[in-house]
Amino acid sequence: MSDIARLRRQIIQEMEAMRHGFNGFAVGSARHEFIHARMQRIYDHQEHLAKYIGENAAATTVCELYISTVEKSQDKISGP
């Protein structure tokens, strides 16, 4: 697996964990800390990804992964 593919996979895993944090039972500061930690890891992975494909492409990739991972699953939960 290439470094780029590995980083993309790690970003998706962090986003899925963050998505579960949105819908989980944790409340208040515990939930905030959990989601903040995932966002920081995503940012770190984005910085590493930028070394391979550039900052703009890395930012675009993270946005696209967010849409496909988090927003689409939220649409399924909330319905039409």
PDB file of N, CA and C in Angstrom:
ATOM      1  N   MET A   1       0.852  -1.174   0.000  1.00  0.00           N
ATOM      2  CA  MET A   1       0.000   0.000   0.000  1.00  0.00           C
ATOM      3  C   MET A   1       0.895   1.234   0.000  1.00  0.00           C
ATOM      4  N   SER A   2       0.564   2.174  -0.845  1.00  0.00           N
ATOM      5  CA  SER A   2       1.358   3.399  -0.925  1.00  0.00           C
ATOM      6  C   SER A   2       1.116   4.263   0.312  1.00  0.00           C
ATOM      7  N   ASP A   3       2.042   5.183   0.545  1.00  0.00           N
ATOM      8  CA  ASP A   3       1.889   6.107   1.669  1.00  0.00           C
ATOM      9  C   ASP A   3       0.627   6.946   1.520  1.00  0.00           C
ATOM     10  N   ILE A   4       0.316   7.348   0.295  1.00  0.00           N
ATOM     11  CA  ILE A   4      -0.881   8.156   0.058  1.00  0.00           C
ATOM     12  C   ILE A   4      -2.134   7.348   0.400  1.00  0.00           C
ATOM     13  N   ALA A   5      -2.192   6.111  -0.042  1.00  0.00           N
ATOM     14  CA  ALA A   5      -3.346   5.259   0.255  1.00  0.00           C
ATOM     15  C   ALA A   5      -3.461   5.006   1.757  1.00  0.00           C
ATOM     16  N   ARG A   6      -2.342   4.804   2.419  1.00  0.00           N
ATOM     17  CA  ARG A   6      -2.335   4.583   3.868  1.00  0.00           C
ATOM     18  C   ARG A   6      -2.870   5.810   4.597  1.00  0.00           C
ATOM     19  N   LEU A   7      -2.424   6.996   4.185  1.00  0.00           N
ATOM     20  CA  LEU A   7      -2.887   8.228   4.821  1.00  0.00           C
ATOM     21  C   LEU A   7      -4.380   8.443   4.588  1.00  0.00           C
ATOM     22  N   ARG A   8      -4.837   8.174   3.385  1.00  0.00           N
ATOM     23  CA  ARG A   8      -6.274   8.298   3.090  1.00  0.00           C
ATOM     24  C   ARG A   8      -7.076   7.351   3.979  1.00  0.00           C
ATOM     25  N   ARG A   9      -6.602   6.123   4.125  1.00  0.00           N
ATOM     26  CA  ARG A   9      -7.288   5.146   4.971  1.00  0.00           C
ATOM     27  C   ARG A   9      -7.330   5.623   6.423  1.00  0.00           C
ATOM     28  N   GLN A  10      -6.213   6.174   6.908  1.00  0.00           N
ATOM     29  CA  GLN A  10      -6.168   6.665   8.284  1.00  0.00           C
ATOM     30  C   GLN A  10      -7.114   7.852   8.486  1.00  0.00           C
ATOM     31  N   ILE A  11      -7.186   8.726   7.499  1.00  0.00           N
ATOM     32  CA  ILE A  11      -8.108   9.866   7.582  1.00  0.00           C
ATOM     33  C   ILE A  11      -9.552   9.363   7.651  1.00  0.00           C
ATOM     34  N   ILE A  12      -9.892   8.405   6.818  1.00  0.00           N
ATOM     35  CA  ILE A  12     -11.246   7.844   6.827  1.00  0.00           C
ATOM     36  C   ILE A  12     -11.550   7.203   8.175  1.00  0.00           C
ATOM     37  N   GLN A  13     -10.593   6.472   8.734  1.00  0.00           N
ATOM     38  CA  GLN A  13     -10.811   5.837  10.033  1.00  0.00           C
ATOM     39  C   GLN A  13     -11.057   6.875  11.129  1.00  0.00           C
ATOM     40  N   GLU A  14     -10.309   7.961  11.106  1.00  0.00           N
ATOM     41  CA  GLU A  14     -10.514   9.025  12.095  1.00  0.00           C
ATOM     42  C   GLU A  14     -11.878   9.675  11.904  1.00  0.00           C
ATOM     43  N   MET A  15     -12.284   9.874  10.655  1.00  0.00           N
ATOM     44  CA  MET A  15     -13.591  10.476  10.385  1.00  0.00           C
ATOM     45  C   MET A  15     -14.718   9.562  10.830  1.00  0.00           C
ATOM     46  N   GLU A  16     -14.555   8.265  10.621  1.00  0.00           N
ATOM     47  CA  GLU A  16     -15.581   7.327  11.072  1.00  0.00           C
ATOM     48  C   GLU A  16     -15.680   7.336  12.592  1.00  0.00           C
ATOM     49  N   ALA A  17     -14.540   7.398  13.270  1.00  0.00           N
ATOM     50  CA  ALA A  17     -14.550   7.482  14.731  1.00  0.00           C
ATOM     51  C   ALA A  17     -15.221   8.780  15.181  1.00  0.00           C
ATOM     52  N   MET A  18     -14.925   9.868  14.493  1.00  0.00           N
ATOM     53  CA  MET A  18     -15.526  11.156  14.818  1.00  0.00           C
ATOM     54  C   MET A  18     -17.044  11.097  14.604  1.00  0.00           C
ATOM     55  N   ARG A  19     -17.454  10.469  13.526  1.00  0.00           N
ATOM     56  CA  ARG A  19     -18.890  10.323  13.235  1.00  0.00           C
ATOM     57  C   ARG A  19     -19.582   9.560  14.358  1.00  0.00           C
ATOM     58  N   HIS A  20     -18.950   8.511  14.844  1.00  0.00           N
ATOM     59  CA  HIS A  20     -19.520   7.757  15.959  1.00  0.00           C
ATOM     60  C   HIS A  20     -19.578   8.627  17.212  1.00  0.00           C
ATOM     61  N   GLY A  21     -18.602   9.522  17.360  1.00  0.00           N
ATOM     62  CA  GLY A  21     -18.618  10.457  18.485  1.00  0.00           C
ATOM     63  C   GLY A  21     -19.781  11.422  18.409  1.00  0.00           C
ATOM     64  N   PHE A  22     -20.165  11.809  17.191  1.00  0.00           N
ATOM     65  CA  PHE A  22     -21.329  12.687  17.024  1.00  0.00           C
ATOM     66  C   PHE A  22     -22.598  12.003  17.532  1.00  0.00           C
ATOM     67  N   ASN A  23     -22.684  10.709  17.286  1.00  0.00           N
ATOM     68  CA  ASN A  23     -23.910   9.969  17.581  1.00  0.00           C
ATOM     69  C   ASN A  23     -23.827   9.145  18.854  1.00  0.00           C
ATOM     70  N   GLY A  24     -22.678   9.175  19.531  1.00  0.00           N
ATOM     71  CA  GLY A  24     -22.468   8.333  20.700  1.00  0.00           C
ATOM     72  C   GLY A  24     -23.138   8.849  21.953  1.00  0.00           C
ATOM     73  N   PHE A  25     -22.890   8.134  23.022  1.00  0.00           N
ATOM     74  CA  PHE A  25     -23.514   8.450  24.296  1.00  0.00           C
ATOM     75  C   PHE A  25     -22.727   9.463  25.118  1.00  0.00           C
ATOM     76  N   ALA A  26     -21.506   9.748  24.735  1.00  0.00           N
ATOM     77  CA  ALA A  26     -20.701  10.716  25.486  1.00  0.00           C
ATOM     78  C   ALA A  26     -21.363  12.087  25.408  1.00  0.00           C
ATOM     79  N   VAL A  27     -21.217  12.840  26.486  1.00  0.00           N
ATOM     80  CA  VAL A  27     -21.809  14.183  26.526  1.00  0.00           C
ATOM     81  C   VAL A  27     -20.779  15.187  27.004  1.00  0.00           C
ATOM     82  N   GLY A  28     -21.075  16.440  26.734  1.00  0.00           N
ATOM     83  CA  GLY A  28     -20.274  17.530  27.264  1.00  0.00           C
ATOM     84  C   GLY A  28     -18.829  17.498  26.842  1.00  0.00           C
ATOM     85  N   SER A  29     -17.946  17.750  27.810  1.00  0.00           N
ATOM     86  CA  SER A  29     -16.526  17.898  27.498  1.00  0.00           C
ATOM     87  C   SER A  29     -15.892  16.603  27.011  1.00  0.00           C
ATOM     88  N   ALA A  30     -16.390  15.455  27.466  1.00  0.00           N
ATOM     89  CA  ALA A  30     -15.821  14.182  27.006  1.00  0.00           C
ATOM     90  C   ALA A  30     -16.023  14.024  25.503  1.00  0.00           C
ATOM     91  N   ARG A  31     -17.211  14.342  25.036  1.00  0.00           N
ATOM     92  CA  ARG A  31     -17.506  14.245  23.605  1.00  0.00           C
ATOM     93  C   ARG A  31     -16.655  15.253  22.834  1.00  0.00           C
ATOM     94  N   HIS A  32     -16.584  16.471  23.350  1.00  0.00           N
ATOM     95  CA  HIS A  32     -15.798  17.516  22.690  1.00  0.00           C
ATOM     96  C   HIS A  32     -14.331  17.101  22.585  1.00  0.00           C
ATOM     97  N   GLU A  33     -13.759  16.594  23.657  1.00  0.00           N
ATOM     98  CA  GLU A  33     -12.353  16.174  23.647  1.00  0.00           C
ATOM     99  C   GLU A  33     -12.130  15.037  22.663  1.00  0.00           C
ATOM    100  N   PHE A  34     -13.052  14.097  22.609  1.00  0.00           N
ATOM    101  CA  PHE A  34     -12.944  12.966  21.691  1.00  0.00           C
ATOM    102  C   PHE A  34     -12.934  13.452  20.247  1.00  0.00           C
ATOM    103  N   ILE A  35     -13.892  14.304  19.903  1.00  0.00           N
ATOM    104  CA  ILE A  35     -13.990  14.809  18.533  1.00  0.00           C
ATOM    105  C   ILE A  35     -12.803  15.699  18.207  1.00  0.00           C
ATOM    106  N   HIS A  36     -12.384  16.529  19.155  1.00  0.00           N
ATOM    107  CA  HIS A  36     -11.225  17.404  18.934  1.00  0.00           C
ATOM    108  C   HIS A  36      -9.970  16.579  18.661  1.00  0.00           C
ATOM    109  N   ALA A  37      -9.777  15.499  19.394  1.00  0.00           N
ATOM    110  CA  ALA A  37      -8.605  14.636  19.177  1.00  0.00           C
ATOM    111  C   ALA A  37      -8.632  14.038  17.774  1.00  0.00           C
ATOM    112  N   ARG A  38      -9.810  13.625  17.313  1.00  0.00           N
ATOM    113  CA  ARG A  38      -9.920  13.062  15.961  1.00  0.00           C
ATOM    114  C   ARG A  38      -9.630  14.126  14.913  1.00  0.00           C
ATOM    115  N   MET A  39     -10.125  15.330  15.123  1.00  0.00           N
ATOM    116  CA  MET A  39      -9.872  16.417  14.175  1.00  0.00           C
ATOM    117  C   MET A  39      -8.383  16.746  14.117  1.00  0.00           C
ATOM    118  N   GLN A  40      -7.710  16.718  15.257  1.00  0.00           N
ATOM    119  CA  GLN A  40      -6.274  16.993  15.277  1.00  0.00           C
ATOM    120  C   GLN A  40      -5.510  15.915  14.510  1.00  0.00           C
ATOM    121  N   ARG A  41      -5.904  14.658  14.682  1.00  0.00           N
ATOM    122  CA  ARG A  41      -5.248  13.572  13.949  1.00  0.00           C
ATOM    123  C   ARG A  41      -5.483  13.706  12.451  1.00  0.00           C
ATOM    124  N   ILE A  42      -6.693  14.093  12.070  1.00  0.00           N
ATOM    125  CA  ILE A  42      -6.982  14.308  10.648  1.00  0.00           C
ATOM    126  C   ILE A  42      -6.087  15.406  10.103  1.00  0.00           C
ATOM    127  N   TYR A  43      -5.946  16.490  10.848  1.00  0.00           N
ATOM    128  CA  TYR A  43      -5.070  17.587  10.428  1.00  0.00           C
ATOM    129  C   TYR A  43      -3.630  17.094  10.274  1.00  0.00           C
ATOM    130  N   ASP A  44      -3.150  16.297  11.227  1.00  0.00           N
ATOM    131  CA  ASP A  44      -1.787  15.759  11.143  1.00  0.00           C
ATOM    132  C   ASP A  44      -1.615  14.894   9.895  1.00  0.00           C
ATOM    133  N   HIS A  45      -2.607  14.052   9.620  1.00  0.00           N
ATOM    134  CA  HIS A  45      -2.546  13.216   8.415  1.00  0.00           C
ATOM    135  C   HIS A  45      -2.578  14.080   7.157  1.00  0.00           C
ATOM    136  N   GLN A  46      -3.373  15.148   7.187  1.00  0.00           N
ATOM    137  CA  GLN A  46      -3.441  16.063   6.041  1.00  0.00           C
ATOM    138  C   GLN A  46      -2.079  16.707   5.795  1.00  0.00           C
ATOM    139  N   GLU A  47      -1.389  17.094   6.851  1.00  0.00           N
ATOM    140  CA  GLU A  47      -0.057  17.685   6.711  1.00  0.00           C
ATOM    141  C   GLU A  47       0.911  16.694   6.067  1.00  0.00           C
ATOM    142  N   HIS A  48       0.846  15.429   6.482  1.00  0.00           N
ATOM    143  CA  HIS A  48       1.706  14.410   5.875  1.00  0.00           C
ATOM    144  C   HIS A  48       1.329  14.188   4.413  1.00  0.00           C
ATOM    145  N   LEU A  49       0.043  14.139   4.140  1.00  0.00           N
ATOM    146  CA  LEU A  49      -0.429  13.951   2.770  1.00  0.00           C
ATOM    147  C   LEU A  49       0.047  15.089   1.872  1.00  0.00           C
ATOM    148  N   ALA A  50       0.073  16.301   2.406  1.00  0.00           N
ATOM    149  CA  ALA A  50       0.506  17.477   1.631  1.00  0.00           C
ATOM    150  C   ALA A  50       1.947  17.344   1.156  1.00  0.00           C
ATOM    151  N   LYS A  51       2.761  16.609   1.877  1.00  0.00           N
ATOM    152  CA  LYS A  51       4.154  16.404   1.461  1.00  0.00           C
ATOM    153  C   LYS A  51       4.227  15.614   0.154  1.00  0.00           C
ATOM    154  N   TYR A  52       3.209  14.812  -0.106  1.00  0.00           N
ATOM    155  CA  TYR A  52       3.185  13.989  -1.312  1.00  0.00           C
ATOM    156  C   TYR A  52       2.437  14.649  -2.472  1.00  0.00           C
ATOM    157  N   ILE A  53       1.329  15.332  -2.147  1.00  0.00           N
ATOM    158  CA  ILE A  53       0.475  15.825  -3.235  1.00  0.00           C
ATOM    159  C   ILE A  53       0.256  17.334  -3.208  1.00  0.00           C
ATOM    160  N   GLY A  54       0.843  18.031  -2.267  1.00  0.00           N
ATOM    161  CA  GLY A  54       0.676  19.482  -2.166  1.00  0.00           C
ATOM    162  C   GLY A  54      -0.451  19.855  -1.209  1.00  0.00           C
ATOM    163  N   GLU A  55      -0.369  21.078  -0.687  1.00  0.00           N
ATOM    164  CA  GLU A  55      -1.330  21.521   0.326  1.00  0.00           C
ATOM    165  C   GLU A  55      -2.757  21.613  -0.203  1.00  0.00           C
ATOM    166  N   ASN A  56      -2.921  22.199  -1.380  1.00  0.00           N
ATOM    167  CA  ASN A  56      -4.276  22.354  -1.932  1.00  0.00           C
ATOM    168  C   ASN A  56      -4.926  21.011  -2.220  1.00  0.00           C
ATOM    169  N   ALA A  57      -4.177  20.109  -2.813  1.00  0.00           N
ATOM    170  CA  ALA A  57      -4.722  18.785  -3.126  1.00  0.00           C
ATOM    171  C   ALA A  57      -5.035  18.009  -1.846  1.00  0.00           C
ATOM    172  N   ALA A  58      -4.196  18.160  -0.827  1.00  0.00           N
ATOM    173  CA  ALA A  58      -4.444  17.482   0.446  1.00  0.00           C
ATOM    174  C   ALA A  58      -5.710  18.024   1.102  1.00  0.00           C
ATOM    175  N   ALA A  59      -5.889  19.342   1.075  1.00  0.00           N
ATOM    176  CA  ALA A  59      -7.094  19.950   1.653  1.00  0.00           C
ATOM    177  C   ALA A  59      -8.339  19.494   0.900  1.00  0.00           C
ATOM    178  N   THR A  60      -8.251  19.454  -0.413  1.00  0.00           N
ATOM    179  CA  THR A  60      -9.375  18.992  -1.229  1.00  0.00           C
ATOM    180  C   THR A  60      -9.696  17.539  -0.922  1.00  0.00           C
ATOM    181  N   THR A  61      -8.672  16.720  -0.797  1.00  0.00           N
ATOM    182  CA  THR A  61      -8.861  15.304  -0.492  1.00  0.00           C
ATOM    183  C   THR A  61      -9.577  15.128   0.837  1.00  0.00           C
ATOM    184  N   VAL A  62      -9.135  15.858   1.859  1.00  0.00           N
ATOM    185  CA  VAL A  62      -9.763  15.744   3.175  1.00  0.00           C
ATOM    186  C   VAL A  62     -11.225  16.186   3.108  1.00  0.00           C
ATOM    187  N   CYS A  63     -11.509  17.253   2.399  1.00  0.00           N
ATOM    188  CA  CYS A  63     -12.900  17.712   2.247  1.00  0.00           C
ATOM    189  C   CYS A  63     -13.753  16.662   1.546  1.00  0.00           C
ATOM    190  N   GLU A  64     -13.231  16.080   0.484  1.00  0.00           N
ATOM    191  CA  GLU A  64     -13.973  15.054  -0.250  1.00  0.00           C
ATOM    192  C   GLU A  64     -14.211  13.820   0.620  1.00  0.00           C
ATOM    193  N   LEU A  65     -13.194  13.432   1.386  1.00  0.00           N
ATOM    194  CA  LEU A  65     -13.350  12.284   2.277  1.00  0.00           C
ATOM    195  C   LEU A  65     -14.371  12.579   3.366  1.00  0.00           C
ATOM    196  N   TYR A  66     -14.377  13.804   3.870  1.00  0.00           N
ATOM    197  CA  TYR A  66     -15.361  14.193   4.887  1.00  0.00           C
ATOM    198  C   TYR A  66     -16.777  14.072   4.324  1.00  0.00           C
ATOM    199  N   ILE A  67     -16.964  14.594   3.131  1.00  0.00           N
ATOM    200  CA  ILE A  67     -18.290  14.537   2.510  1.00  0.00           C
ATOM    201  C   ILE A  67     -18.731  13.092   2.316  1.00  0.00           C
ATOM    202  N   SER A  68     -17.831  12.255   1.818  1.00  0.00           N
ATOM    203  CA  SER A  68     -18.204  10.867   1.547  1.00  0.00           C
ATOM    204  C   SER A  68     -18.326  10.030   2.818  1.00  0.00           C
ATOM    205  N   THR A  69     -17.620  10.400   3.878  1.00  0.00           N
ATOM    206  CA  THR A  69     -17.622   9.591   5.095  1.00  0.00           C
ATOM    207  C   THR A  69     -18.627  10.086   6.127  1.00  0.00           C
ATOM    208  N   VAL A  70     -18.619  11.356   6.416  1.00  0.00           N
ATOM    209  CA  VAL A  70     -19.427  11.888   7.514  1.00  0.00           C
ATOM    210  C   VAL A  70     -20.771  12.418   7.033  1.00  0.00           C
ATOM    211  N   GLU A  71     -20.760  13.293   6.053  1.00  0.00           N
ATOM    212  CA  GLU A  71     -22.014  13.922   5.642  1.00  0.00           C
ATOM    213  C   GLU A  71     -22.989  12.928   5.038  1.00  0.00           C
ATOM    214  N   LYS A  72     -22.513  12.009   4.223  1.00  0.00           N
ATOM    215  CA  LYS A  72     -23.424  11.038   3.612  1.00  0.00           C
ATOM    216  C   LYS A  72     -24.046  10.136   4.666  1.00  0.00           C
ATOM    217  N   SER A  73     -23.273   9.763   5.691  1.00  0.00           N
ATOM    218  CA  SER A  73     -23.843   8.922   6.739  1.00  0.00           C
ATOM    219  C   SER A  73     -24.842   9.710   7.574  1.00  0.00           C
ATOM    220  N   GLN A  74     -24.637  11.020   7.739  1.00  0.00           N
ATOM    221  CA  GLN A  74     -25.601  11.861   8.451  1.00  0.00           C
ATOM    222  C   GLN A  74     -26.902  11.961   7.661  1.00  0.00           C
ATOM    223  N   ASP A  75     -26.795  12.012   6.335  1.00  0.00           N
ATOM    224  CA  ASP A  75     -27.994  12.048   5.494  1.00  0.00           C
ATOM    225  C   ASP A  75     -28.822  10.779   5.674  1.00  0.00           C
ATOM    226  N   LYS A  76     -28.152   9.629   5.811  1.00  0.00           N
ATOM    227  CA  LYS A  76     -28.859   8.365   6.004  1.00  0.00           C
ATOM    228  C   LYS A  76     -29.606   8.366   7.331  1.00  0.00           C
ATOM    229  N   ILE A  77     -29.004   8.977   8.344  1.00  0.00           N
ATOM    230  CA  ILE A  77     -29.621   9.005   9.668  1.00  0.00           C
ATOM    231  C   ILE A  77     -30.838   9.924   9.681  1.00  0.00           C
ATOM    232  N   SER A  78     -30.685  11.114   9.093  1.00  0.00           N
ATOM    233  CA  SER A  78     -31.761  12.107   9.150  1.00  0.00           C
ATOM    234  C   SER A  78     -32.835  11.892   8.089  1.00  0.00           C
ATOM    235  N   GLY A  79     -32.512  11.154   7.048  1.00  0.00           N
ATOM    236  CA  GLY A  79     -33.490  10.881   5.997  1.00  0.00           C
ATOM    237  C   GLY A  79     -33.679  12.052   5.055  1.00  0.00           C
ATOM    238  N   PRO A  80     -34.626  11.927   4.114  1.00  0.00           N
ATOM    239  CA  PRO A  80     -34.840  12.971   3.102  1.00  0.00           C
ATOM    240  C   PRO A  80     -35.481  14.221   3.658  1.00  0.00           C
TER     241      PRO A  80
END
